[in-house]
């Protein structure tokens, strides 16, 4: 897995505690915080797909297929 994928996935994961901890401090309603959390979850889905495709491409290159 490439470092940029790892950093992006960590960023998506960290959206959850950030929204849930800092949201009440700023007076943001619960449903808005849940919407903010959904950005982290839905942002991770395409990244996981990219990780899968990258892994398949690397396996193909190692097997001699360009």
N, C-alpha and C. Protein backbone atom coordinates (compact mmCIF):
# COMPACT_ATOMS: atom_id res chain seq x y z
N UNK A 1 0.85 -1.17 0.00
CA UNK A 1 0.00 0.00 0.00
C UNK A 1 0.90 1.24 0.00
N UNK A 2 0.55 2.21 -0.81
CA UNK A 2 1.36 3.41 -0.92
C UNK A 2 1.14 4.31 0.31
N UNK A 3 2.14 5.11 0.59
CA UNK A 3 2.08 5.98 1.76
C UNK A 3 0.94 6.99 1.64
N UNK A 4 0.66 7.46 0.44
CA UNK A 4 -0.43 8.44 0.29
C UNK A 4 -1.78 7.80 0.61
N UNK A 5 -1.95 6.52 0.29
CA UNK A 5 -3.19 5.83 0.65
C UNK A 5 -3.32 5.70 2.16
N UNK A 6 -2.22 5.38 2.81
CA UNK A 6 -2.24 5.21 4.26
C UNK A 6 -2.59 6.54 4.94
N UNK A 7 -1.95 7.61 4.51
CA UNK A 7 -2.20 8.92 5.11
C UNK A 7 -3.65 9.34 4.88
N UNK A 8 -4.17 9.10 3.70
CA UNK A 8 -5.55 9.47 3.40
C UNK A 8 -6.53 8.65 4.23
N UNK A 9 -6.28 7.36 4.41
CA UNK A 9 -7.16 6.54 5.24
C UNK A 9 -7.11 6.96 6.70
N UNK A 10 -5.93 7.32 7.18
CA UNK A 10 -5.82 7.81 8.56
C UNK A 10 -6.62 9.10 8.71
N UNK A 11 -6.55 9.96 7.72
CA UNK A 11 -7.33 11.20 7.75
C UNK A 11 -8.82 10.93 7.79
N UNK A 12 -9.28 9.96 7.02
CA UNK A 12 -10.70 9.61 7.04
C UNK A 12 -11.12 9.05 8.40
N UNK A 13 -10.26 8.25 8.99
CA UNK A 13 -10.57 7.67 10.29
C UNK A 13 -10.61 8.76 11.37
N UNK A 14 -9.69 9.72 11.28
CA UNK A 14 -9.61 10.76 12.30
C UNK A 14 -10.74 11.79 12.21
N UNK A 15 -11.49 11.77 11.13
CA UNK A 15 -12.65 12.66 11.05
C UNK A 15 -13.68 12.28 12.12
N UNK A 16 -13.81 11.00 12.40
CA UNK A 16 -14.82 10.54 13.35
C UNK A 16 -14.59 11.10 14.76
N UNK A 17 -13.43 10.87 15.38
CA UNK A 17 -13.27 11.43 16.73
C UNK A 17 -13.23 12.96 16.73
N UNK A 18 -12.69 13.55 15.67
CA UNK A 18 -12.65 15.00 15.60
C UNK A 18 -14.06 15.59 15.63
N UNK A 19 -14.95 15.03 14.83
CA UNK A 19 -16.33 15.53 14.79
C UNK A 19 -17.06 15.26 16.09
N UNK A 20 -16.83 14.10 16.68
CA UNK A 20 -17.56 13.74 17.89
C UNK A 20 -17.02 14.44 19.14
N UNK A 21 -15.74 14.79 19.15
CA UNK A 21 -15.16 15.46 20.32
C UNK A 21 -15.29 16.98 20.20
N UNK A 22 -14.93 17.51 19.06
CA UNK A 22 -14.92 18.97 18.90
C UNK A 22 -16.30 19.55 18.57
N UNK A 23 -17.19 18.71 18.07
CA UNK A 23 -18.54 19.19 17.75
C UNK A 23 -19.28 19.76 18.94
N UNK A 24 -19.33 19.05 20.07
CA UNK A 24 -20.01 19.61 21.24
C UNK A 24 -19.32 20.88 21.78
N UNK A 25 -18.01 20.94 21.64
CA UNK A 25 -17.29 22.12 22.12
C UNK A 25 -17.69 23.37 21.34
N UNK A 26 -18.02 23.18 20.08
CA UNK A 26 -18.41 24.31 19.23
C UNK A 26 -19.92 24.49 19.17
N UNK A 27 -20.67 23.61 19.85
CA UNK A 27 -22.13 23.73 19.87
C UNK A 27 -22.80 23.23 18.61
N UNK A 28 -22.16 22.33 17.90
CA UNK A 28 -22.73 21.77 16.66
C UNK A 28 -23.73 20.67 17.04
N UNK A 29 -24.93 20.69 16.46
CA UNK A 29 -25.94 19.67 16.80
C UNK A 29 -25.47 18.26 16.43
N UNK A 30 -26.04 17.28 17.11
CA UNK A 30 -25.63 15.89 16.93
C UNK A 30 -25.80 15.42 15.50
N UNK A 31 -26.92 15.76 14.86
CA UNK A 31 -27.14 15.26 13.50
C UNK A 31 -26.13 15.85 12.53
N UNK A 32 -25.65 17.07 12.76
CA UNK A 32 -24.60 17.63 11.91
C UNK A 32 -23.29 16.90 12.13
N UNK A 33 -23.03 16.52 13.38
CA UNK A 33 -21.81 15.78 13.68
C UNK A 33 -21.84 14.41 13.00
N UNK A 34 -23.02 13.80 12.97
CA UNK A 34 -23.14 12.50 12.29
C UNK A 34 -22.94 12.66 10.79
N UNK A 35 -23.40 13.75 10.23
CA UNK A 35 -23.15 14.02 8.81
C UNK A 35 -21.66 14.22 8.57
N UNK A 36 -20.99 14.94 9.48
CA UNK A 36 -19.54 15.11 9.36
C UNK A 36 -18.83 13.76 9.43
N UNK A 37 -19.29 12.88 10.31
CA UNK A 37 -18.69 11.54 10.42
C UNK A 37 -18.88 10.74 9.14
N UNK A 38 -20.00 10.96 8.47
CA UNK A 38 -20.25 10.21 7.24
C UNK A 38 -19.25 10.56 6.15
N UNK A 39 -18.70 11.78 6.18
CA UNK A 39 -17.67 12.15 5.20
C UNK A 39 -16.44 11.28 5.37
N UNK A 40 -16.09 10.97 6.60
CA UNK A 40 -14.95 10.09 6.83
C UNK A 40 -15.21 8.68 6.34
N UNK A 41 -16.41 8.19 6.60
CA UNK A 41 -16.76 6.82 6.18
C UNK A 41 -16.84 6.74 4.67
N UNK A 42 -17.59 7.66 4.06
CA UNK A 42 -17.76 7.60 2.61
C UNK A 42 -16.50 8.01 1.85
N UNK A 43 -15.62 8.74 2.49
CA UNK A 43 -14.34 9.07 1.87
C UNK A 43 -13.39 7.88 1.86
N UNK A 44 -13.53 7.00 2.84
CA UNK A 44 -12.66 5.83 2.92
C UNK A 44 -13.03 4.78 1.88
N UNK A 45 -14.28 4.73 1.47
CA UNK A 45 -14.70 3.69 0.52
C UNK A 45 -13.96 3.79 -0.82
N UNK A 46 -13.91 4.95 -1.48
CA UNK A 46 -13.14 5.01 -2.73
C UNK A 46 -11.65 4.78 -2.51
N UNK A 47 -11.14 5.20 -1.35
CA UNK A 47 -9.72 4.97 -1.07
C UNK A 47 -9.42 3.48 -0.95
N UNK A 48 -10.29 2.74 -0.30
CA UNK A 48 -10.09 1.29 -0.20
C UNK A 48 -10.15 0.63 -1.57
N UNK A 49 -11.01 1.15 -2.44
CA UNK A 49 -11.07 0.64 -3.81
C UNK A 49 -9.77 0.93 -4.55
N UNK A 50 -9.21 2.12 -4.34
CA UNK A 50 -7.93 2.47 -4.97
C UNK A 50 -6.81 1.58 -4.45
N UNK A 51 -6.83 1.29 -3.16
CA UNK A 51 -5.82 0.39 -2.59
C UNK A 51 -5.92 -0.97 -3.24
N UNK A 52 -7.13 -1.45 -3.43
CA UNK A 52 -7.34 -2.76 -4.07
C UNK A 52 -6.82 -2.76 -5.51
N UNK A 53 -7.14 -1.71 -6.26
CA UNK A 53 -6.67 -1.63 -7.64
C UNK A 53 -5.16 -1.52 -7.71
N UNK A 54 -4.56 -0.75 -6.81
CA UNK A 54 -3.11 -0.62 -6.78
C UNK A 54 -2.46 -1.96 -6.49
N UNK A 55 -3.03 -2.70 -5.57
CA UNK A 55 -2.50 -4.02 -5.23
C UNK A 55 -2.59 -4.95 -6.44
N UNK A 56 -3.70 -4.91 -7.17
CA UNK A 56 -3.85 -5.75 -8.36
C UNK A 56 -2.85 -5.37 -9.45
N UNK A 57 -2.62 -4.06 -9.62
CA UNK A 57 -1.65 -3.62 -10.62
C UNK A 57 -0.24 -4.08 -10.26
N UNK A 58 0.11 -3.98 -9.01
CA UNK A 58 1.45 -4.41 -8.59
C UNK A 58 1.62 -5.92 -8.75
N UNK A 59 0.58 -6.66 -8.46
CA UNK A 59 0.67 -8.13 -8.63
C UNK A 59 0.84 -8.47 -10.10
N UNK A 60 0.16 -7.73 -10.98
CA UNK A 60 0.29 -7.96 -12.41
C UNK A 60 1.68 -7.62 -12.92
N UNK A 61 2.29 -6.58 -12.38
CA UNK A 61 3.64 -6.21 -12.80
C UNK A 61 4.65 -7.22 -12.32
N UNK A 62 4.46 -7.76 -11.13
CA UNK A 62 5.40 -8.76 -10.62
C UNK A 62 5.32 -10.07 -11.40
N UNK A 63 4.14 -10.36 -11.94
CA UNK A 63 3.97 -11.59 -12.69
C UNK A 63 4.47 -11.44 -14.14
N UNK A 64 4.88 -10.21 -14.51
CA UNK A 64 5.41 -10.03 -15.84
C UNK A 64 4.38 -9.48 -16.81
N UNK A 65 3.21 -9.16 -16.34
CA UNK A 65 2.18 -8.59 -17.20
C UNK A 65 2.24 -7.08 -17.07
N UNK A 66 2.33 -6.41 -18.19
CA UNK A 66 2.40 -4.93 -18.15
C UNK A 66 1.08 -4.33 -18.38
